[in-house]
Amino acid sequence: MRNKTLFMTAVLAVLMVAWATPAHALAPFVQFQDSEDAGLGYGFGLKHTFLGIVPIVGFDLRASWLHYSDEDKLPSSFETFPLEVAATAKLGIFYGGLGVGYYINSGDFKPDDEVGGFAAAGAGFKLLGLGAFAELRYLLLEPGNGDMSGVGANVGVTLPL
């Protein structure tokens, strides 16, 4: 219960900042996540970036879907629906940040729904009037019945709003 309260407080804080500042960008992305107990997951998501109080600080709201089906590690496939919020600092084309999320799992064999955290580092740049980004991230997620922690990557297109 404490983890869910902490997560909801973080989401509300980011939403309050987002409503007080103009939206910066919407970014659809593909993602890959290598987890300790479930192997490789792949999927897609959407990231909404908000400009922060100072130009180098931003906030992201992220929603995504991941499919895990590693036959060597799992008796059956399952899906994860991460709902995440992150604070980022940007220097030139590079950025880094920390985030927290609530990970909802679905399937016959699945980890418990749980709150987790992540660190991300990436680069964003202009490409043909749009933007693009690529990031590496480390997810720390240990539900009661498994370890979903591991390295992942996101690659997407940034659409300025």
N, C-alpha and C. Protein backbone atom coordinates (compact mmCIF):
# COMPACT_ATOMS: atom_id res chain seq x y z
N MET A 1 0.83 -1.19 0.00
CA MET A 1 0.00 0.00 0.00
C MET A 1 0.88 1.26 0.00
N ARG A 2 1.98 1.22 0.75
CA ARG A 2 2.87 2.38 0.82
C ARG A 2 3.46 2.70 -0.55
N ASN A 3 3.86 1.65 -1.32
CA ASN A 3 4.43 1.86 -2.65
C ASN A 3 3.42 2.50 -3.60
N LYS A 4 2.17 2.08 -3.53
CA LYS A 4 1.14 2.64 -4.41
C LYS A 4 0.87 4.10 -4.04
N THR A 5 0.88 4.43 -2.76
CA THR A 5 0.68 5.82 -2.32
C THR A 5 1.82 6.70 -2.80
N LEU A 6 3.05 6.22 -2.68
CA LEU A 6 4.21 6.96 -3.15
C LEU A 6 4.13 7.19 -4.66
N PHE A 7 3.77 6.17 -5.41
CA PHE A 7 3.66 6.29 -6.86
C PHE A 7 2.58 7.31 -7.24
N MET A 8 1.43 7.23 -6.62
CA MET A 8 0.34 8.17 -6.95
C MET A 8 0.71 9.60 -6.60
N THR A 9 1.44 9.80 -5.51
CA THR A 9 1.92 11.14 -5.15
C THR A 9 2.86 11.68 -6.21
N ALA A 10 3.77 10.85 -6.70
CA ALA A 10 4.70 11.26 -7.75
C ALA A 10 3.96 11.61 -9.04
N VAL A 11 2.98 10.80 -9.42
CA VAL A 11 2.20 11.08 -10.63
C VAL A 11 1.46 12.41 -10.50
N LEU A 12 0.83 12.65 -9.37
CA LEU A 12 0.11 13.91 -9.16
C LEU A 12 1.05 15.11 -9.20
N ALA A 13 2.24 14.99 -8.64
CA ALA A 13 3.21 16.09 -8.67
C ALA A 13 3.61 16.41 -10.10
N VAL A 14 3.86 15.38 -10.90
CA VAL A 14 4.25 15.62 -12.30
C VAL A 14 3.09 16.22 -13.08
N LEU A 15 1.88 15.75 -12.85
CA LEU A 15 0.72 16.31 -13.55
C LEU A 15 0.53 17.78 -13.21
N MET A 16 0.76 18.17 -11.95
CA MET A 16 0.64 19.58 -11.56
C MET A 16 1.67 20.43 -12.28
N VAL A 17 2.91 19.94 -12.37
CA VAL A 17 3.95 20.67 -13.11
C VAL A 17 3.60 20.73 -14.59
N ALA A 18 3.08 19.63 -15.14
CA ALA A 18 2.75 19.58 -16.57
C ALA A 18 1.65 20.58 -16.91
N TRP A 19 0.65 20.72 -16.06
CA TRP A 19 -0.43 21.66 -16.34
C TRP A 19 0.05 23.10 -16.24
N ALA A 20 1.10 23.34 -15.48
CA ALA A 20 1.60 24.70 -15.30
C ALA A 20 2.61 25.11 -16.37
N THR A 21 3.05 24.17 -17.20
CA THR A 21 4.05 24.47 -18.22
C THR A 21 3.58 23.92 -19.57
N PRO A 22 4.07 24.49 -20.68
CA PRO A 22 3.64 24.01 -21.99
C PRO A 22 4.22 22.63 -22.29
N ALA A 23 3.45 21.84 -23.05
CA ALA A 23 3.94 20.53 -23.46
C ALA A 23 5.07 20.71 -24.47
N HIS A 24 6.03 19.86 -24.41
CA HIS A 24 7.18 19.96 -25.29
C HIS A 24 7.08 18.98 -26.45
N ALA A 25 6.80 17.72 -26.19
CA ALA A 25 6.83 16.74 -27.27
C ALA A 25 6.06 15.47 -26.91
N LEU A 26 5.60 14.82 -27.95
CA LEU A 26 4.97 13.51 -27.85
C LEU A 26 5.87 12.55 -28.64
N ALA A 27 6.19 11.39 -28.07
CA ALA A 27 7.16 10.51 -28.71
C ALA A 27 6.72 9.04 -28.67
N PRO A 28 6.26 8.50 -29.80
CA PRO A 28 6.05 7.06 -29.86
C PRO A 28 7.41 6.35 -29.95
N PHE A 29 7.51 5.17 -29.33
CA PHE A 29 8.79 4.47 -29.33
C PHE A 29 8.61 2.96 -29.33
N VAL A 30 9.66 2.27 -29.75
CA VAL A 30 9.75 0.81 -29.60
C VAL A 30 10.71 0.55 -28.46
N GLN A 31 10.51 -0.56 -27.78
CA GLN A 31 11.37 -0.83 -26.63
C GLN A 31 11.71 -2.30 -26.52
N PHE A 32 12.84 -2.53 -25.89
CA PHE A 32 13.33 -3.87 -25.59
C PHE A 32 13.77 -3.87 -24.14
N GLN A 33 13.45 -4.94 -23.42
CA GLN A 33 13.84 -5.04 -22.01
C GLN A 33 14.34 -6.44 -21.75
N ASP A 34 15.55 -6.57 -21.24
CA ASP A 34 16.11 -7.86 -20.87
C ASP A 34 15.97 -7.98 -19.36
N SER A 35 15.17 -8.93 -18.91
CA SER A 35 14.95 -9.06 -17.46
C SER A 35 15.59 -10.34 -16.94
N GLU A 36 15.89 -10.32 -15.67
CA GLU A 36 16.57 -11.42 -15.01
C GLU A 36 15.80 -12.74 -15.14
N ASP A 37 14.52 -12.74 -14.77
CA ASP A 37 13.76 -13.99 -14.74
C ASP A 37 12.91 -14.25 -15.98
N ALA A 38 12.56 -13.23 -16.76
CA ALA A 38 11.65 -13.42 -17.89
C ALA A 38 12.34 -13.33 -19.25
N GLY A 39 13.62 -13.01 -19.28
CA GLY A 39 14.32 -12.92 -20.56
C GLY A 39 14.00 -11.63 -21.30
N LEU A 40 14.02 -11.71 -22.63
CA LEU A 40 13.84 -10.52 -23.46
C LEU A 40 12.36 -10.22 -23.71
N GLY A 41 11.99 -8.97 -23.45
CA GLY A 41 10.65 -8.49 -23.77
C GLY A 41 10.75 -7.41 -24.83
N TYR A 42 9.74 -7.30 -25.65
CA TYR A 42 9.72 -6.27 -26.69
C TYR A 42 8.33 -5.65 -26.73
N GLY A 43 8.25 -4.42 -27.19
CA GLY A 43 6.95 -3.76 -27.26
C GLY A 43 7.07 -2.35 -27.78
N PHE A 44 6.11 -1.53 -27.42
CA PHE A 44 6.07 -0.14 -27.87
C PHE A 44 5.43 0.71 -26.79
N GLY A 45 5.55 2.02 -26.94
CA GLY A 45 4.99 2.91 -25.95
C GLY A 45 4.86 4.33 -26.47
N LEU A 46 4.44 5.20 -25.57
CA LEU A 46 4.26 6.61 -25.88
C LEU A 46 4.79 7.42 -24.70
N LYS A 47 5.61 8.41 -25.02
CA LYS A 47 6.21 9.27 -24.00
C LYS A 47 5.75 10.70 -24.26
N HIS A 48 5.29 11.39 -23.22
CA HIS A 48 4.90 12.79 -23.32
C HIS A 48 5.84 13.59 -22.44
N THR A 49 6.65 14.45 -23.07
CA THR A 49 7.66 15.22 -22.36
C THR A 49 7.16 16.63 -22.09
N PHE A 50 7.35 17.09 -20.86
CA PHE A 50 6.97 18.43 -20.45
C PHE A 50 8.20 19.23 -20.10
N LEU A 51 8.25 20.45 -20.53
CA LEU A 51 9.34 21.35 -20.18
C LEU A 51 9.22 21.68 -18.70
N GLY A 52 10.32 21.69 -18.01
CA GLY A 52 10.31 21.96 -16.58
C GLY A 52 10.42 23.44 -16.25
N ILE A 53 10.64 23.72 -15.00
CA ILE A 53 10.73 25.09 -14.50
C ILE A 53 11.95 25.79 -15.09
N VAL A 54 13.04 25.07 -15.27
CA VAL A 54 14.23 25.60 -15.94
C VAL A 54 14.44 24.78 -17.21
N PRO A 55 15.05 25.37 -18.26
CA PRO A 55 15.12 24.69 -19.57
C PRO A 55 15.81 23.34 -19.59
N ILE A 56 16.73 23.07 -18.70
CA ILE A 56 17.43 21.78 -18.77
C ILE A 56 16.70 20.67 -18.03
N VAL A 57 15.64 20.99 -17.27
CA VAL A 57 14.90 19.99 -16.50
C VAL A 57 13.58 19.69 -17.19
N GLY A 58 13.26 18.42 -17.34
CA GLY A 58 12.00 18.03 -17.94
C GLY A 58 11.36 16.88 -17.18
N PHE A 59 10.11 16.61 -17.53
CA PHE A 59 9.37 15.51 -16.93
C PHE A 59 8.72 14.71 -18.04
N ASP A 60 8.73 13.40 -17.90
CA ASP A 60 8.12 12.51 -18.88
C ASP A 60 7.01 11.71 -18.22
N LEU A 61 5.92 11.55 -18.93
CA LEU A 61 4.90 10.57 -18.58
C LEU A 61 4.99 9.50 -19.65
N ARG A 62 5.05 8.24 -19.25
CA ARG A 62 5.22 7.15 -20.21
C ARG A 62 4.20 6.05 -19.96
N ALA A 63 3.67 5.53 -21.04
CA ALA A 63 2.81 4.35 -20.98
C ALA A 63 3.28 3.42 -22.08
N SER A 64 3.40 2.13 -21.77
CA SER A 64 3.91 1.22 -22.78
C SER A 64 3.37 -0.19 -22.57
N TRP A 65 3.75 -1.06 -23.47
CA TRP A 65 3.36 -2.47 -23.46
C TRP A 65 4.59 -3.29 -23.81
N LEU A 66 4.83 -4.34 -23.05
CA LEU A 66 5.94 -5.27 -23.30
C LEU A 66 5.42 -6.70 -23.32
N HIS A 67 5.91 -7.49 -24.25
CA HIS A 67 5.54 -8.90 -24.36
C HIS A 67 6.77 -9.75 -24.06
N TYR A 68 6.62 -10.69 -23.14
CA TYR A 68 7.70 -11.62 -22.78
C TYR A 68 7.29 -13.03 -23.18
N SER A 69 8.18 -13.73 -23.89
CA SER A 69 7.85 -15.10 -24.31
C SER A 69 9.10 -15.97 -24.43
N ASP A 70 10.09 -15.78 -23.58
CA ASP A 70 11.33 -16.55 -23.62
C ASP A 70 11.05 -17.99 -23.19
N GLU A 71 11.08 -18.92 -24.13
CA GLU A 71 10.75 -20.31 -23.84
C GLU A 71 11.72 -20.97 -22.88
N ASP A 72 12.96 -20.46 -22.83
CA ASP A 72 13.95 -21.04 -21.92
C ASP A 72 13.71 -20.63 -20.47
N LYS A 73 13.02 -19.51 -20.25
CA LYS A 73 12.84 -19.00 -18.88
C LYS A 73 11.39 -19.02 -18.40
N LEU A 74 10.42 -19.11 -19.33
CA LEU A 74 9.02 -18.98 -18.95
C LEU A 74 8.19 -20.19 -19.38
N PRO A 75 7.22 -20.60 -18.54
CA PRO A 75 6.32 -21.67 -18.96
C PRO A 75 5.29 -21.18 -19.99
N SER A 76 4.98 -19.88 -19.98
CA SER A 76 4.08 -19.30 -20.98
C SER A 76 4.38 -17.80 -21.08
N SER A 77 3.88 -17.17 -22.11
CA SER A 77 4.14 -15.75 -22.31
C SER A 77 3.25 -14.90 -21.40
N PHE A 78 3.66 -13.65 -21.21
CA PHE A 78 2.84 -12.69 -20.47
C PHE A 78 3.16 -11.29 -20.95
N GLU A 79 2.30 -10.34 -20.59
CA GLU A 79 2.46 -8.95 -20.97
C GLU A 79 2.62 -8.08 -19.73
N THR A 80 3.37 -6.99 -19.90
CA THR A 80 3.54 -5.98 -18.85
C THR A 80 3.11 -4.64 -19.41
N PHE A 81 2.39 -3.87 -18.61
CA PHE A 81 1.94 -2.53 -18.98
C PHE A 81 2.54 -1.53 -18.00
N PRO A 82 3.73 -0.98 -18.32
CA PRO A 82 4.35 0.01 -17.44
C PRO A 82 3.69 1.38 -17.55
N LEU A 83 3.38 1.99 -16.43
CA LEU A 83 2.92 3.38 -16.34
C LEU A 83 3.98 4.10 -15.54
N GLU A 84 4.72 5.02 -16.19
CA GLU A 84 5.92 5.58 -15.58
C GLU A 84 5.92 7.10 -15.62
N VAL A 85 6.66 7.67 -14.69
CA VAL A 85 6.93 9.10 -14.65
C VAL A 85 8.43 9.27 -14.38
N ALA A 86 9.05 10.24 -15.08
CA ALA A 86 10.50 10.43 -14.93
C ALA A 86 10.84 11.91 -14.88
N ALA A 87 11.90 12.23 -14.17
CA ALA A 87 12.49 13.57 -14.18
C ALA A 87 13.81 13.46 -14.92
N THR A 88 14.06 14.38 -15.86
CA THR A 88 15.27 14.32 -16.67
C THR A 88 16.02 15.64 -16.65
N ALA A 89 17.32 15.55 -16.87
CA ALA A 89 18.18 16.72 -17.03
C ALA A 89 18.83 16.59 -18.40
N LYS A 90 18.85 17.70 -19.16
CA LYS A 90 19.35 17.67 -20.52
C LYS A 90 20.54 18.60 -20.66
N LEU A 91 21.60 18.09 -21.31
CA LEU A 91 22.79 18.88 -21.63
C LEU A 91 23.10 18.67 -23.11
N GLY A 92 22.78 19.66 -23.94
CA GLY A 92 22.95 19.51 -25.38
C GLY A 92 21.99 18.46 -25.90
N ILE A 93 22.51 17.49 -26.65
CA ILE A 93 21.65 16.43 -27.16
C ILE A 93 21.51 15.28 -26.17
N PHE A 94 22.29 15.27 -25.11
CA PHE A 94 22.28 14.17 -24.14
C PHE A 94 21.36 14.47 -22.96
N TYR A 95 20.79 13.42 -22.40
CA TYR A 95 19.96 13.57 -21.21
C TYR A 95 20.09 12.34 -20.32
N GLY A 96 19.73 12.51 -19.10
CA GLY A 96 19.71 11.42 -18.14
C GLY A 96 18.59 11.67 -17.16
N GLY A 97 18.09 10.62 -16.56
CA GLY A 97 17.00 10.82 -15.62
C GLY A 97 16.72 9.61 -14.76
N LEU A 98 15.85 9.85 -13.80
CA LEU A 98 15.38 8.82 -12.88
C LEU A 98 13.87 8.79 -12.93
N GLY A 99 13.31 7.60 -12.80
CA GLY A 99 11.86 7.49 -12.86
C GLY A 99 11.33 6.41 -11.94
N VAL A 100 10.02 6.44 -11.79
CA VAL A 100 9.30 5.46 -11.00
C VAL A 100 8.09 5.03 -11.82
N GLY A 101 7.68 3.79 -11.64
CA GLY A 101 6.54 3.30 -12.40
C GLY A 101 5.75 2.25 -11.66
N TYR A 102 4.56 2.03 -12.15
CA TYR A 102 3.72 0.94 -11.66
C TYR A 102 3.59 -0.03 -12.82
N TYR A 103 3.92 -1.29 -12.61
CA TYR A 103 4.01 -2.28 -13.67
C TYR A 103 2.88 -3.29 -13.49
N ILE A 104 1.91 -3.24 -14.41
CA ILE A 104 0.73 -4.10 -14.38
C ILE A 104 1.00 -5.28 -15.31
N ASN A 105 0.84 -6.49 -14.80
CA ASN A 105 1.17 -7.69 -15.56
C ASN A 105 -0.08 -8.50 -15.86
N SER A 106 -0.08 -9.16 -17.03
CA SER A 106 -1.23 -9.93 -17.47
C SER A 106 -0.75 -11.22 -18.14
N GLY A 107 -1.46 -12.31 -17.91
CA GLY A 107 -1.13 -13.59 -18.54
C GLY A 107 -1.32 -14.73 -17.56
N ASP A 108 -1.15 -15.97 -18.05
CA ASP A 108 -1.31 -17.16 -17.20
C ASP A 108 -0.24 -17.22 -16.13
N PHE A 109 1.01 -17.04 -16.54
CA PHE A 109 2.14 -17.01 -15.62
C PHE A 109 2.67 -15.59 -15.65
N LYS A 110 2.59 -14.90 -14.53
CA LYS A 110 3.02 -13.50 -14.53
C LYS A 110 3.55 -13.11 -13.17
N PRO A 111 4.45 -12.11 -13.15
CA PRO A 111 4.88 -11.54 -11.87
C PRO A 111 3.73 -10.74 -11.25
N ASP A 112 3.84 -10.48 -9.96
CA ASP A 112 2.86 -9.62 -9.29
C ASP A 112 2.97 -8.20 -9.84
N ASP A 113 1.86 -7.45 -9.83
CA ASP A 113 1.90 -6.02 -10.15
C ASP A 113 2.74 -5.35 -9.07
N GLU A 114 3.57 -4.39 -9.47
CA GLU A 114 4.52 -3.84 -8.50
C GLU A 114 5.00 -2.46 -8.92
N VAL A 115 5.45 -1.68 -7.94
CA VAL A 115 6.12 -0.40 -8.18
C VAL A 115 7.61 -0.67 -8.34
N GLY A 116 8.23 -0.01 -9.32
CA GLY A 116 9.66 -0.16 -9.56
C GLY A 116 10.27 1.17 -9.96
N GLY A 117 11.55 1.19 -10.18
CA GLY A 117 12.24 2.41 -10.56
C GLY A 117 13.19 2.15 -11.71
N PHE A 118 13.64 3.24 -12.34
CA PHE A 118 14.59 3.09 -13.44
C PHE A 118 15.47 4.32 -13.55
N ALA A 119 16.62 4.10 -14.16
CA ALA A 119 17.54 5.18 -14.54
C ALA A 119 17.70 5.09 -16.05
N ALA A 120 17.71 6.24 -16.72
CA ALA A 120 17.83 6.26 -18.18
C ALA A 120 18.85 7.29 -18.61
N ALA A 121 19.54 7.01 -19.70
CA ALA A 121 20.47 7.96 -20.32
C ALA A 121 20.31 7.82 -21.83
N GLY A 122 20.26 8.97 -22.51
CA GLY A 122 20.05 8.90 -23.95
C GLY A 122 20.47 10.16 -24.66
N ALA A 123 20.09 10.20 -25.93
CA ALA A 123 20.36 11.36 -26.78
C ALA A 123 19.14 11.61 -27.64
N GLY A 124 18.86 12.90 -27.84
CA GLY A 124 17.76 13.30 -28.70
C GLY A 124 18.28 14.31 -29.71
N PHE A 125 17.84 14.21 -30.94
CA PHE A 125 18.34 15.11 -31.97
C PHE A 125 17.27 15.35 -33.03
N LYS A 126 17.44 16.40 -33.83
CA LYS A 126 16.53 16.74 -34.92
C LYS A 126 16.84 15.88 -36.13
N LEU A 127 15.79 15.47 -36.84
CA LEU A 127 15.95 14.65 -38.02
C LEU A 127 14.80 14.95 -38.98
N LEU A 128 15.09 15.62 -40.08
CA LEU A 128 14.09 15.94 -41.11
C LEU A 128 12.88 16.68 -40.55
N GLY A 129 13.11 17.68 -39.72
CA GLY A 129 12.03 18.47 -39.16
C GLY A 129 11.36 17.86 -37.95
N LEU A 130 11.63 16.60 -37.69
CA LEU A 130 11.12 15.94 -36.49
C LEU A 130 12.29 15.73 -35.56
N GLY A 131 12.07 15.01 -34.53
CA GLY A 131 13.16 14.65 -33.64
C GLY A 131 13.23 13.14 -33.52
N ALA A 132 14.32 12.66 -33.00
CA ALA A 132 14.48 11.23 -32.74
C ALA A 132 15.23 11.09 -31.41
N PHE A 133 15.03 9.99 -30.75
CA PHE A 133 15.77 9.74 -29.51
C PHE A 133 16.09 8.26 -29.38
N ALA A 134 17.13 8.00 -28.65
CA ALA A 134 17.52 6.64 -28.29
C ALA A 134 18.02 6.68 -26.86
N GLU A 135 17.60 5.72 -26.07
CA GLU A 135 18.03 5.71 -24.67
C GLU A 135 18.28 4.30 -24.18
N LEU A 136 19.21 4.19 -23.27
CA LEU A 136 19.44 2.96 -22.53
C LEU A 136 18.90 3.17 -21.13
N ARG A 137 18.38 2.11 -20.55
CA ARG A 137 17.83 2.25 -19.21
C ARG A 137 18.07 0.99 -18.40
N TYR A 138 18.09 1.17 -17.10
CA TYR A 138 18.18 0.03 -16.20
C TYR A 138 16.93 0.04 -15.33
N LEU A 139 16.17 -1.03 -15.38
CA LEU A 139 14.95 -1.17 -14.61
C LEU A 139 15.25 -1.95 -13.35
N LEU A 140 14.79 -1.43 -12.21
CA LEU A 140 14.89 -2.13 -10.94
C LEU A 140 13.47 -2.48 -10.52
N LEU A 141 13.12 -3.75 -10.69
CA LEU A 141 11.76 -4.21 -10.42
C LEU A 141 11.83 -5.63 -9.89
N GLU A 142 11.45 -5.79 -8.63
CA GLU A 142 11.50 -7.10 -8.01
C GLU A 142 10.17 -7.42 -7.34
N PRO A 143 9.18 -7.85 -8.15
CA PRO A 143 7.91 -8.27 -7.54
C PRO A 143 8.13 -9.49 -6.66
N GLY A 144 7.18 -9.78 -5.81
CA GLY A 144 7.33 -10.87 -4.84
C GLY A 144 7.64 -12.22 -5.46
N ASN A 145 7.24 -12.45 -6.71
CA ASN A 145 7.44 -13.78 -7.30
C ASN A 145 8.38 -13.76 -8.51
N GLY A 146 9.37 -12.87 -8.52
CA GLY A 146 10.33 -12.85 -9.63
C GLY A 146 11.20 -11.62 -9.60
N ASP A 147 12.18 -11.61 -10.48
CA ASP A 147 13.07 -10.46 -10.61
C ASP A 147 13.00 -9.99 -12.06
N MET A 148 12.41 -8.83 -12.28
CA MET A 148 12.24 -8.28 -13.63
C MET A 148 13.30 -7.24 -13.93
N SER A 149 14.28 -7.07 -13.04
CA SER A 149 15.33 -6.07 -13.24
C SER A 149 16.18 -6.41 -14.45
N GLY A 150 16.71 -5.36 -15.09
CA GLY A 150 17.60 -5.58 -16.22
C GLY A 150 17.75 -4.35 -17.09
N VAL A 151 18.57 -4.50 -18.12
CA VAL A 151 18.89 -3.41 -19.05
C VAL A 151 17.87 -3.41 -20.18
N GLY A 152 17.50 -2.20 -20.62
CA GLY A 152 16.58 -2.07 -21.73
C GLY A 152 16.97 -0.92 -22.63
N ALA A 153 16.26 -0.78 -23.75
CA ALA A 153 16.53 0.30 -24.70
C ALA A 153 15.21 0.77 -25.30
N ASN A 154 15.11 2.07 -25.54
CA ASN A 154 13.97 2.67 -26.22
C ASN A 154 14.49 3.49 -27.39
N VAL A 155 13.81 3.43 -28.52
CA VAL A 155 14.14 4.22 -29.70
C VAL A 155 12.83 4.76 -30.26
N GLY A 156 12.80 6.08 -30.51
CA GLY A 156 11.54 6.65 -30.98
C GLY A 156 11.70 7.93 -31.78
N VAL A 157 10.55 8.43 -32.23
CA VAL A 157 10.44 9.66 -32.98
C VAL A 157 9.78 10.69 -32.08
N THR A 158 10.30 11.91 -32.07
CA THR A 158 9.76 12.96 -31.24
C THR A 158 8.97 13.93 -32.10
N LEU A 159 7.70 14.14 -31.75
CA LEU A 159 6.82 15.03 -32.47
C LEU A 159 6.59 16.28 -31.62
N PRO A 160 7.14 17.44 -32.00
CA PRO A 160 6.96 18.63 -31.19
C PRO A 160 5.49 19.06 -31.19
N LEU A 161 5.05 19.55 -30.05
CA LEU A 161 3.65 20.01 -29.93
C LEU A 161 3.61 21.53 -29.87
